[in-house]
Amino acid sequence: MLSETDILALWTTLKLAGLTTVILLLLGTPLAWWLTHSRFRYKVVVEALVALPLILPPTVLGFYLLILLGPNGPLGPLMQSLGIQSLAFTFTGLVIGSVFYSLPFVVQPLQNAFAAIGRRPLEVAATLRARPIDQFFSVVLPLARPGYLTAAVLGFAHTVGEFGVVLMIGGNIPGETQVLSIAIYDHVEALEYGQAHVLSGGLLLLSFVLLLIVYALNRRYRLTPI
């Protein structure tokens, strides 16, 4: 059985993953589009920065975010002058940390989807006098559906499984910043293996179902003409 603390951790995790995924799709779309089509000489530097969380230890990213968002960090005086409290150990801080940490899991699938479309469909749409914004919503988005599906699922699932980043930037405050991964750690530390099994098994099943949905729908898109 789940305790009240576990239910709160579940709600915090789902809320965090959902909000982070929406933010990443909104921010990742223009970034992935720019990375796909820009001829900027140093674009590779931006690509490396986006991909950095793939290999950077989560605690390192969490530590520097904690320093950045803390009251004594570079942004501390600015936030205080604006009447904003420190974002460290808050849900907002968790969202910021999750956006940074899950960024490549959303941007890279979108970038691959945009690259696979190529320039030809856009050129055809341009001959029909479609404006760039119309080209994107009428041509690019339908063709990039598999990429968006993959990006959304990977971003959501990766956020659900976070541990190091959320622990560093959010701490372990039940009902506020405690997520499922931290709740599992607490149960194991307290030798409560039964409850740890329930939470771990639930996350394992959720991860498998999400990946199953991605592979099944991507296969359907490959077999069905748009």
Protein backbone atom coordinates (compact mmCIF):
# COMPACT_ATOMS: atom_id res chain seq x y z
CA MET A 1 0.00 0.00 0.00
CA LEU A 2 1.12 3.54 -0.74
CA SER A 3 1.49 5.88 2.20
CA GLU A 4 0.27 9.48 2.10
CA THR A 5 3.88 10.60 1.56
CA ASP A 6 4.23 8.23 -1.39
CA ILE A 7 1.03 9.54 -2.97
CA LEU A 8 2.28 13.11 -2.59
CA ALA A 9 5.60 12.06 -4.17
CA LEU A 10 3.69 10.46 -7.05
CA TRP A 11 1.65 13.62 -7.63
CA THR A 12 4.76 15.81 -7.45
CA THR A 13 6.54 13.55 -9.94
CA LEU A 14 3.69 13.52 -12.47
CA LYS A 15 3.16 17.27 -12.13
CA LEU A 16 6.88 17.90 -12.59
CA ALA A 17 7.18 15.58 -15.59
CA GLY A 18 4.08 16.97 -17.30
CA LEU A 19 5.03 20.62 -16.84
CA THR A 20 8.65 19.99 -17.83
CA THR A 21 7.57 18.17 -21.00
CA VAL A 22 5.28 21.01 -22.08
CA ILE A 23 8.01 23.60 -21.47
CA LEU A 24 10.60 21.52 -23.31
CA LEU A 25 8.35 21.07 -26.35
CA LEU A 26 7.74 24.82 -26.50
CA LEU A 27 11.41 25.70 -26.08
CA GLY A 28 12.78 22.72 -27.96
CA THR A 29 10.81 23.29 -31.15
CA PRO A 30 12.45 26.59 -32.21
CA LEU A 31 15.83 25.42 -30.88
CA ALA A 32 15.69 22.15 -32.82
CA TRP A 33 14.50 23.98 -35.94
CA TRP A 34 17.40 26.42 -35.68
CA LEU A 35 19.92 23.63 -35.12
CA THR A 36 18.57 21.80 -38.16
CA HIS A 37 18.63 24.68 -40.61
CA SER A 38 21.12 27.24 -39.30
CA ARG A 39 24.45 27.71 -41.01
CA PHE A 40 25.95 29.47 -38.01
CA ARG A 41 29.65 28.73 -37.93
CA TYR A 42 29.75 27.78 -34.27
CA LYS A 43 26.47 25.87 -34.19
CA VAL A 44 28.41 22.82 -33.03
CA VAL A 45 29.06 24.61 -29.73
CA VAL A 46 25.32 25.01 -29.15
CA GLU A 47 24.75 21.36 -30.06
CA ALA A 48 27.42 20.30 -27.56
CA LEU A 49 25.83 22.42 -24.82
CA VAL A 50 22.39 20.93 -25.53
CA ALA A 51 23.78 17.38 -25.42
CA LEU A 52 25.93 17.99 -22.32
CA PRO A 53 23.38 16.52 -19.84
CA LEU A 54 23.67 13.18 -21.66
CA ILE A 55 27.15 12.63 -20.23
CA LEU A 56 27.37 15.14 -17.37
CA PRO A 57 26.83 13.57 -13.91
CA PRO A 58 23.41 14.74 -12.66
CA THR A 59 24.85 15.85 -9.33
CA VAL A 60 27.26 18.18 -11.13
CA LEU A 61 24.44 19.89 -13.02
CA GLY A 62 22.34 19.99 -9.86
CA PHE A 63 25.20 21.50 -7.86
CA TYR A 64 25.78 24.36 -10.27
CA LEU A 65 22.05 25.03 -10.56
CA LEU A 66 21.90 25.12 -6.76
CA ILE A 67 24.70 27.69 -6.71
CA LEU A 68 23.06 29.69 -9.52
CA LEU A 69 19.57 29.76 -8.03
CA GLY A 70 20.55 30.01 -4.37
CA PRO A 71 20.29 33.26 -2.36
CA ASN A 72 24.05 33.82 -2.52
CA GLY A 73 24.39 32.89 -6.18
CA PRO A 74 24.85 35.19 -9.19
CA LEU A 75 21.08 35.58 -9.58
CA GLY A 76 20.41 36.02 -5.85
CA PRO A 77 20.64 39.84 -5.66
CA LEU A 78 18.60 40.26 -8.85
CA MET A 79 15.81 37.99 -7.58
CA GLN A 80 15.79 39.72 -4.21
CA SER A 81 15.49 43.13 -5.89
CA LEU A 82 12.48 41.81 -7.81
CA GLY A 83 10.92 40.42 -4.66
CA ILE A 84 11.47 36.79 -5.74
CA GLN A 85 12.55 34.30 -3.10
CA SER A 86 15.38 31.85 -3.70
CA LEU A 87 14.36 29.12 -6.15
CA ALA A 88 16.55 26.49 -4.50
CA PHE A 89 14.53 23.80 -2.68
CA THR A 90 11.30 24.83 -4.37
CA PHE A 91 9.11 23.17 -7.00
CA THR A 92 10.00 25.94 -9.44
CA GLY A 93 13.66 25.09 -8.94
CA LEU A 94 12.83 21.45 -9.70
CA VAL A 95 11.21 22.48 -12.98
CA ILE A 96 14.23 24.57 -14.00
CA GLY A 97 16.61 21.74 -13.19
CA SER A 98 14.46 19.20 -15.04
CA VAL A 99 14.26 21.41 -18.13
CA PHE A 100 18.04 21.62 -18.32
CA TYR A 101 18.57 17.93 -17.60
CA SER A 102 15.97 16.58 -20.04
CA LEU A 103 16.65 19.10 -22.82
CA PRO A 104 18.58 16.75 -25.16
CA PHE A 105 15.90 14.06 -24.86
CA VAL A 106 13.44 16.45 -26.49
CA VAL A 107 15.62 18.53 -28.79
CA GLN A 108 17.45 15.66 -30.49
CA PRO A 109 14.32 13.69 -31.58
CA LEU A 110 12.80 16.93 -32.90
CA GLN A 111 16.03 17.80 -34.70
CA ASN A 112 16.12 14.35 -36.32
CA ALA A 113 12.47 14.68 -37.36
CA PHE A 114 13.03 18.11 -38.93
CA ALA A 115 16.15 16.89 -40.75
CA ALA A 116 14.25 13.89 -42.16
CA ILE A 117 11.61 16.19 -43.67
CA GLY A 118 14.18 18.07 -45.76
CA ARG A 119 13.68 21.26 -47.71
CA ARG A 120 11.60 19.91 -50.58
CA PRO A 121 8.14 19.98 -48.89
CA LEU A 122 8.77 23.55 -47.75
CA GLU A 123 9.82 24.61 -51.23
CA VAL A 124 6.64 23.11 -52.67
CA ALA A 125 4.56 24.92 -50.06
CA ALA A 126 6.37 28.17 -50.87
CA THR A 127 5.42 27.83 -54.55
CA LEU A 128 1.81 27.77 -53.34
CA ARG A 129 2.47 31.10 -51.58
CA ALA A 130 2.33 29.63 -48.10
CA ARG A 131 3.96 31.87 -45.52
CA PRO A 132 6.77 30.39 -43.37
CA ILE A 133 4.48 30.13 -40.35
CA ASP A 134 1.85 28.36 -42.48
CA GLN A 135 4.51 26.04 -43.87
CA PHE A 136 5.52 25.05 -40.37
CA PHE A 137 2.03 24.34 -39.04
CA SER A 138 0.59 22.84 -42.23
CA VAL A 139 3.59 20.88 -43.49
CA VAL A 140 6.27 20.45 -40.86
CA LEU A 141 4.14 19.57 -37.83
CA PRO A 142 2.15 16.78 -39.54
CA LEU A 143 5.31 15.26 -41.00
CA ALA A 144 7.16 15.53 -37.69
CA ARG A 145 4.48 13.79 -35.61
CA PRO A 146 6.63 10.73 -34.82
CA GLY A 147 9.46 13.00 -33.68
CA TYR A 148 7.14 14.96 -31.40
CA LEU A 149 5.72 11.77 -29.94
CA THR A 150 9.20 10.42 -29.24
CA ALA A 151 10.36 13.74 -27.78
CA ALA A 152 7.34 14.03 -25.49
CA VAL A 153 7.58 10.47 -24.18
CA LEU A 154 11.34 10.56 -23.67
CA GLY A 155 11.20 13.95 -21.99
CA PHE A 156 8.39 12.81 -19.68
CA ALA A 157 9.98 9.44 -18.85
CA HIS A 158 13.42 10.93 -18.27
CA THR A 159 12.01 13.53 -15.91
CA VAL A 160 10.11 10.86 -13.97
CA GLY A 161 13.36 8.95 -13.43
CA GLU A 162 15.49 11.88 -12.28
CA PHE A 163 17.34 11.58 -8.99
CA GLY A 164 20.64 13.44 -8.70
CA VAL A 165 19.50 16.75 -10.18
CA VAL A 166 16.23 16.95 -8.25
CA LEU A 167 17.91 15.95 -4.99
CA MET A 168 20.57 18.65 -5.33
CA ILE A 169 18.31 21.50 -6.43
CA GLY A 170 15.10 20.52 -4.63
CA GLY A 171 16.17 18.57 -1.60
CA ASN A 172 13.70 16.12 -0.07
CA ILE A 173 10.65 18.04 1.14
CA PRO A 174 7.51 15.83 1.23
CA GLY A 175 4.64 17.35 -0.71
CA GLU A 176 6.88 20.01 -2.25
CA THR A 177 10.06 18.63 -3.82
CA GLN A 178 10.10 14.93 -2.92
CA VAL A 179 9.67 12.86 -6.09
CA LEU A 180 9.29 9.10 -6.51
CA SER A 181 12.97 8.38 -7.10
CA ILE A 182 13.85 10.06 -3.81
CA ALA A 183 10.95 8.34 -2.02
CA ILE A 184 12.32 4.97 -3.19
CA TYR A 185 15.74 5.88 -1.83
CA ASP A 186 14.19 6.83 1.52
CA HIS A 187 12.37 3.48 1.73
CA VAL A 188 15.52 1.52 0.94
CA GLU A 189 17.49 3.52 3.49
CA ALA A 190 14.82 2.68 6.08
CA LEU A 191 14.89 -1.01 5.00
CA GLU A 192 11.26 -0.73 3.83
CA TYR A 193 11.81 -2.95 0.82
CA GLY A 194 8.14 -3.75 0.32
CA GLN A 195 7.18 -0.14 -0.35
CA ALA A 196 10.35 0.36 -2.40
CA HIS A 197 9.30 -2.63 -4.55
CA VAL A 198 5.84 -1.14 -5.13
CA LEU A 199 7.19 2.23 -6.26
CA SER A 200 10.07 0.75 -8.28
CA GLY A 201 7.78 -1.75 -9.98
CA GLY A 202 5.35 1.00 -10.87
CA LEU A 203 8.10 3.10 -12.46
CA LEU A 204 9.42 0.05 -14.31
CA LEU A 205 5.98 -0.71 -15.71
CA LEU A 206 5.37 2.93 -16.65
CA SER A 207 8.69 3.17 -18.47
CA PHE A 208 8.00 -0.02 -20.40
CA VAL A 209 4.49 1.08 -21.41
CA LEU A 210 5.70 4.50 -22.57
CA LEU A 211 8.43 2.97 -24.73
CA LEU A 212 5.97 0.42 -26.08
CA ILE A 213 3.63 3.22 -27.12
CA VAL A 214 6.47 5.08 -28.85
CA TYR A 215 7.64 2.06 -30.84
CA ALA A 216 4.10 0.98 -31.76
CA LEU A 217 2.99 4.41 -32.96
CA ASN A 218 6.24 5.09 -34.80
CA ARG A 219 5.82 1.79 -36.60
CA ARG A 220 2.26 2.77 -37.48
CA TYR A 221 3.42 6.13 -38.87
CA ARG A 222 6.06 4.41 -41.01
CA LEU A 223 3.48 2.05 -42.49
CA THR A 224 0.71 4.64 -42.94
CA PRO A 225 1.07 7.39 -45.58
CA ILE A 226 0.43 10.89 -44.26
